[in-house]
Each structure stands twice: as C-alpha cells, then as structure tokens.
N, C-alpha and C. Protein backbone atom coordinates (compact mmCIF):
# COMPACT_ATOMS: atom_id res chain seq x y z
N MET A 1 0.85 -1.18 0.00
CA MET A 1 0.00 0.00 0.00
C MET A 1 0.89 1.24 0.00
N LYS A 2 0.73 2.07 -1.01
CA LYS A 2 1.55 3.27 -1.12
C LYS A 2 0.91 4.40 -0.34
N ARG A 3 1.75 5.07 0.45
CA ARG A 3 1.27 6.17 1.28
C ARG A 3 1.20 7.45 0.46
N GLU A 4 0.24 8.29 0.78
CA GLU A 4 0.09 9.57 0.10
C GLU A 4 1.31 10.45 0.40
N THR A 5 1.72 11.22 -0.58
CA THR A 5 2.87 12.10 -0.42
C THR A 5 2.54 13.23 0.54
N THR A 6 3.40 13.41 1.54
CA THR A 6 3.26 14.51 2.48
C THR A 6 3.96 15.73 1.90
N VAL A 7 3.31 16.87 1.94
CA VAL A 7 3.89 18.11 1.45
C VAL A 7 4.03 19.06 2.62
N ILE A 8 5.24 19.52 2.86
CA ILE A 8 5.51 20.52 3.90
C ILE A 8 5.95 21.78 3.18
N ASP A 9 5.14 22.83 3.27
CA ASP A 9 5.42 24.08 2.58
C ASP A 9 5.92 25.11 3.60
N LEU A 10 7.23 25.24 3.70
CA LEU A 10 7.85 26.15 4.66
C LEU A 10 7.64 27.61 4.29
N SER A 11 7.28 27.86 3.04
CA SER A 11 7.09 29.25 2.61
C SER A 11 5.75 29.81 3.07
N ASN A 12 4.80 28.96 3.44
CA ASN A 12 3.49 29.41 3.88
C ASN A 12 3.43 29.40 5.41
N LYS A 13 4.13 30.34 6.02
CA LYS A 13 4.28 30.36 7.48
C LYS A 13 2.97 30.57 8.21
N GLN A 14 2.10 31.41 7.68
CA GLN A 14 0.82 31.65 8.35
C GLN A 14 0.01 30.36 8.42
N LEU A 15 -0.05 29.63 7.32
CA LEU A 15 -0.80 28.37 7.31
C LEU A 15 -0.15 27.35 8.24
N LEU A 16 1.18 27.25 8.21
CA LEU A 16 1.86 26.29 9.09
C LEU A 16 1.63 26.62 10.55
N ASN A 17 1.64 27.89 10.89
CA ASN A 17 1.38 28.27 12.28
C ASN A 17 -0.05 27.95 12.68
N GLU A 18 -1.00 28.12 11.75
CA GLU A 18 -2.40 27.81 12.04
C GLU A 18 -2.62 26.30 12.15
N LEU A 19 -1.89 25.54 11.35
CA LEU A 19 -2.04 24.08 11.33
C LEU A 19 -0.84 23.42 11.99
N TYR A 20 -0.35 24.00 13.08
CA TYR A 20 0.87 23.54 13.71
C TYR A 20 0.80 22.08 14.13
N THR A 21 -0.33 21.62 14.58
CA THR A 21 -0.48 20.23 14.99
C THR A 21 -0.26 19.30 13.80
N GLN A 22 -0.77 19.67 12.64
CA GLN A 22 -0.56 18.85 11.45
C GLN A 22 0.90 18.88 11.03
N PHE A 23 1.55 20.04 11.12
CA PHE A 23 2.98 20.16 10.81
C PHE A 23 3.78 19.22 11.71
N ALA A 24 3.47 19.22 12.99
CA ALA A 24 4.16 18.34 13.94
C ALA A 24 3.91 16.87 13.60
N ALA A 25 2.68 16.53 13.23
CA ALA A 25 2.36 15.15 12.87
C ALA A 25 3.10 14.73 11.60
N ASP A 26 3.19 15.64 10.62
CA ASP A 26 3.90 15.32 9.38
C ASP A 26 5.38 15.09 9.64
N VAL A 27 5.99 15.94 10.44
CA VAL A 27 7.42 15.78 10.75
C VAL A 27 7.63 14.50 11.56
N GLY A 28 6.74 14.21 12.49
CA GLY A 28 6.83 12.98 13.26
C GLY A 28 6.76 11.74 12.38
N ALA A 29 5.86 11.77 11.39
CA ALA A 29 5.74 10.64 10.47
C ALA A 29 7.02 10.47 9.65
N LEU A 30 7.63 11.57 9.26
CA LEU A 30 8.90 11.49 8.52
C LEU A 30 10.00 10.86 9.38
N LEU A 31 10.04 11.23 10.65
CA LEU A 31 11.04 10.65 11.54
C LEU A 31 10.84 9.15 11.69
N ILE A 32 9.60 8.73 11.82
CA ILE A 32 9.32 7.29 11.93
C ILE A 32 9.73 6.58 10.64
N ASP A 33 9.43 7.18 9.50
CA ASP A 33 9.80 6.57 8.22
C ASP A 33 11.30 6.43 8.06
N LEU A 34 12.08 7.31 8.67
CA LEU A 34 13.53 7.22 8.57
C LEU A 34 14.06 5.91 9.15
N TYR A 35 13.30 5.28 10.02
CA TYR A 35 13.70 4.00 10.61
C TYR A 35 13.32 2.81 9.75
N HIS A 36 12.59 3.06 8.69
CA HIS A 36 12.18 1.99 7.79
C HIS A 36 12.87 2.21 6.45
N ALA A 37 14.14 1.89 6.40
CA ALA A 37 14.97 2.20 5.24
C ALA A 37 14.51 1.51 3.97
N ASP A 38 13.75 0.45 4.10
CA ASP A 38 13.34 -0.29 2.91
C ASP A 38 12.07 0.27 2.26
N ILE A 39 11.52 1.36 2.80
CA ILE A 39 10.34 1.95 2.17
C ILE A 39 10.67 3.33 1.65
N GLU A 40 9.91 3.73 0.66
CA GLU A 40 10.08 5.05 0.08
C GLU A 40 9.50 6.10 1.01
N LEU A 41 10.19 7.22 1.14
CA LEU A 41 9.71 8.32 1.96
C LEU A 41 8.97 9.30 1.06
N PRO A 42 7.65 9.21 0.99
CA PRO A 42 6.90 10.07 0.07
C PRO A 42 6.63 11.45 0.68
N PHE A 43 7.58 12.37 0.49
CA PHE A 43 7.34 13.71 0.98
C PHE A 43 8.03 14.73 0.10
N ASN A 44 7.46 15.92 0.08
CA ASN A 44 8.03 17.06 -0.62
C ASN A 44 8.11 18.21 0.37
N VAL A 45 9.21 18.93 0.31
CA VAL A 45 9.38 20.12 1.15
C VAL A 45 9.51 21.30 0.21
N ARG A 46 8.71 22.31 0.45
CA ARG A 46 8.75 23.51 -0.36
C ARG A 46 9.23 24.68 0.49
N GLY A 47 9.91 25.58 -0.16
CA GLY A 47 10.42 26.78 0.49
C GLY A 47 11.68 27.22 -0.22
N THR A 48 12.39 28.16 0.36
CA THR A 48 13.65 28.58 -0.23
C THR A 48 14.67 27.47 -0.02
N SER A 49 15.75 27.51 -0.77
CA SER A 49 16.76 26.47 -0.62
C SER A 49 17.35 26.48 0.78
N SER A 50 17.51 27.64 1.39
CA SER A 50 18.06 27.67 2.75
C SER A 50 17.06 27.16 3.78
N GLU A 51 15.76 27.40 3.57
CA GLU A 51 14.74 26.85 4.47
C GLU A 51 14.71 25.33 4.39
N ILE A 52 14.76 24.82 3.16
CA ILE A 52 14.73 23.36 2.97
C ILE A 52 15.99 22.73 3.56
N GLU A 53 17.13 23.37 3.34
CA GLU A 53 18.39 22.84 3.89
C GLU A 53 18.35 22.81 5.42
N SER A 54 17.84 23.87 6.04
CA SER A 54 17.78 23.88 7.51
C SER A 54 16.78 22.86 8.03
N PHE A 55 15.68 22.65 7.30
CA PHE A 55 14.69 21.62 7.68
C PHE A 55 15.33 20.24 7.64
N MET A 56 16.01 19.93 6.53
CA MET A 56 16.62 18.61 6.38
C MET A 56 17.74 18.39 7.41
N LYS A 57 18.51 19.42 7.67
CA LYS A 57 19.59 19.31 8.67
C LYS A 57 19.00 19.01 10.05
N THR A 58 17.91 19.66 10.38
CA THR A 58 17.28 19.44 11.68
C THR A 58 16.63 18.07 11.75
N LEU A 59 15.98 17.65 10.67
CA LEU A 59 15.39 16.31 10.63
C LEU A 59 16.46 15.24 10.79
N GLN A 60 17.59 15.40 10.11
CA GLN A 60 18.70 14.46 10.24
C GLN A 60 19.28 14.49 11.66
N GLY A 61 19.33 15.67 12.26
CA GLY A 61 19.80 15.78 13.64
C GLY A 61 18.90 15.04 14.61
N GLU A 62 17.59 15.11 14.38
CA GLU A 62 16.64 14.37 15.22
C GLU A 62 16.92 12.87 15.12
N LYS A 63 17.13 12.40 13.90
CA LYS A 63 17.39 10.97 13.71
C LYS A 63 18.70 10.56 14.38
N ARG A 64 19.75 11.34 14.21
CA ARG A 64 21.04 11.00 14.85
C ARG A 64 20.90 10.98 16.37
N TYR A 65 20.16 11.92 16.93
CA TYR A 65 19.95 11.96 18.38
C TYR A 65 19.17 10.73 18.84
N MET A 66 18.11 10.37 18.12
CA MET A 66 17.33 9.19 18.50
C MET A 66 18.16 7.92 18.35
N ASP A 67 18.96 7.83 17.29
CA ASP A 67 19.83 6.66 17.11
C ASP A 67 20.82 6.54 18.27
N SER A 68 21.42 7.65 18.64
CA SER A 68 22.40 7.64 19.73
C SER A 68 21.74 7.26 21.05
N TYR A 69 20.56 7.81 21.28
CA TYR A 69 19.82 7.49 22.50
C TYR A 69 19.51 5.99 22.57
N MET A 70 19.06 5.44 21.44
CA MET A 70 18.72 4.01 21.42
C MET A 70 19.96 3.13 21.57
N SER A 71 21.08 3.55 21.03
CA SER A 71 22.31 2.74 21.08
C SER A 71 23.09 2.89 22.37
N HIS A 72 23.13 4.10 22.90
CA HIS A 72 24.04 4.39 24.01
C HIS A 72 23.37 4.83 25.31
N GLY A 73 22.10 5.16 25.25
CA GLY A 73 21.42 5.64 26.44
C GLY A 73 21.48 7.16 26.55
N LEU A 74 20.67 7.68 27.43
CA LEU A 74 20.49 9.13 27.54
C LEU A 74 21.71 9.84 28.12
N ASN A 75 22.43 9.24 29.04
CA ASN A 75 23.52 9.93 29.73
C ASN A 75 24.89 9.73 29.09
N ASP A 76 24.96 9.06 27.96
CA ASP A 76 26.23 8.83 27.28
C ASP A 76 26.70 10.14 26.63
N SER A 77 28.01 10.35 26.61
CA SER A 77 28.55 11.59 26.06
C SER A 77 28.24 11.73 24.57
N ARG A 78 28.17 10.63 23.84
CA ARG A 78 27.83 10.69 22.42
C ARG A 78 26.39 11.16 22.22
N THR A 79 25.50 10.73 23.10
CA THR A 79 24.11 11.16 23.02
C THR A 79 24.00 12.63 23.36
N MET A 80 24.74 13.05 24.36
CA MET A 80 24.72 14.46 24.75
C MET A 80 25.27 15.35 23.62
N MET A 81 26.29 14.88 22.90
CA MET A 81 26.84 15.63 21.78
C MET A 81 25.82 15.70 20.64
N SER A 82 25.13 14.61 20.40
CA SER A 82 24.07 14.61 19.37
C SER A 82 22.97 15.59 19.74
N LYS A 83 22.63 15.63 21.02
CA LYS A 83 21.59 16.57 21.48
C LYS A 83 22.06 18.01 21.29
N HIS A 84 23.31 18.27 21.61
CA HIS A 84 23.87 19.61 21.43
C HIS A 84 23.84 20.02 19.95
N ASP A 85 24.24 19.10 19.07
CA ASP A 85 24.21 19.37 17.63
C ASP A 85 22.78 19.62 17.16
N LEU A 86 21.84 18.82 17.67
CA LEU A 86 20.43 18.99 17.31
C LEU A 86 19.92 20.35 17.76
N GLU A 87 20.27 20.76 18.96
CA GLU A 87 19.82 22.07 19.45
C GLU A 87 20.31 23.20 18.55
N GLY A 88 21.55 23.08 18.04
CA GLY A 88 22.06 24.07 17.10
C GLY A 88 21.29 24.07 15.79
N ALA A 89 20.95 22.88 15.30
CA ALA A 89 20.18 22.77 14.07
C ALA A 89 18.78 23.35 14.26
N ILE A 90 18.19 23.12 15.42
CA ILE A 90 16.86 23.67 15.71
C ILE A 90 16.92 25.19 15.72
N ARG A 91 17.92 25.76 16.37
CA ARG A 91 18.06 27.22 16.38
C ARG A 91 18.18 27.76 14.95
N GLY A 92 18.96 27.06 14.13
CA GLY A 92 19.11 27.47 12.74
C GLY A 92 17.81 27.40 11.97
N PHE A 93 17.06 26.32 12.16
CA PHE A 93 15.77 26.16 11.50
C PHE A 93 14.81 27.27 11.92
N GLU A 94 14.72 27.51 13.21
CA GLU A 94 13.79 28.52 13.70
C GLU A 94 14.18 29.92 13.23
N SER A 95 15.46 30.19 13.20
CA SER A 95 15.94 31.49 12.72
C SER A 95 15.67 31.65 11.23
N GLU A 96 15.92 30.60 10.48
CA GLU A 96 15.77 30.66 9.02
C GLU A 96 14.31 30.75 8.59
N THR A 97 13.44 29.99 9.26
CA THR A 97 12.05 29.89 8.81
C THR A 97 11.07 30.75 9.60
N GLY A 98 11.42 31.12 10.81
CA GLY A 98 10.47 31.83 11.66
C GLY A 98 9.44 30.90 12.27
N LEU A 99 9.64 29.59 12.12
CA LEU A 99 8.72 28.59 12.68
C LEU A 99 9.37 27.91 13.89
N ARG A 100 8.52 27.42 14.79
CA ARG A 100 9.02 26.67 15.95
C ARG A 100 9.14 25.20 15.55
N TRP A 101 10.28 24.58 15.87
CA TRP A 101 10.46 23.16 15.60
C TRP A 101 9.51 22.37 16.49
N PRO A 102 8.76 21.41 15.95
CA PRO A 102 7.70 20.77 16.73
C PRO A 102 8.14 19.89 17.89
N PHE A 103 9.41 19.47 17.94
CA PHE A 103 9.84 18.57 19.00
C PHE A 103 10.83 19.21 19.94
N LYS A 104 10.85 20.50 19.98
CA LYS A 104 11.77 21.24 20.84
C LYS A 104 11.34 21.10 22.29
N ASN A 105 12.30 20.74 23.14
CA ASN A 105 12.01 20.61 24.58
C ASN A 105 12.14 21.94 25.26
C-alpha cells in the first residue's frame, strides 16, 4: 500500500502556524519513516533552498539523536553531543524559517 505524499510548505508560514499540529504530525511521520529504510519516503518540502536545507539538517539531527539514545542511552557523552548538535540545528531552522520546531524541549 503506497502512502500519500506529504507536502511541507515552509514558505506558507501563516498556514503552518495555524495548522501547527498537522505540521508536527507530518514531521513525526517522517522521523518514523527514517527508521524503515526499505520503504520510500513520500514527501516534498517547499520553500527557499536555505529553508529546505535547515529543515533537512534538523530532521537528520533528530534521527542522529534518536539513534544515539537508542544505542548508548540518555547519559552517554555521544548522546549528549548529538543533542547539542540537534539544538544548534533547531536554532538554525527557527531562525531561518520563523517557525518553531515541533519537538523542541
């Protein structure tokens, strides 16, 4: 069964802010899909090249942090470094797009 393509339009900030719960759900689904390497990730991201780059960098940072947490535990120095890197990517995403990252603690 092929999943419908998710479209995240970073250029439409007003709509994303109004539909923030859906934005968070879409990003969450992408993170889950990253763990299923044998399936196609049906998604499109729209926006400026720098917005898309910051989105992808932050999404990859989330995955690296989750991988490290699962492999090494929460208090391991490698996990803490991944978290630090992720926090920097989140700041970059928020600065670049004007949107709040949905999984920010």
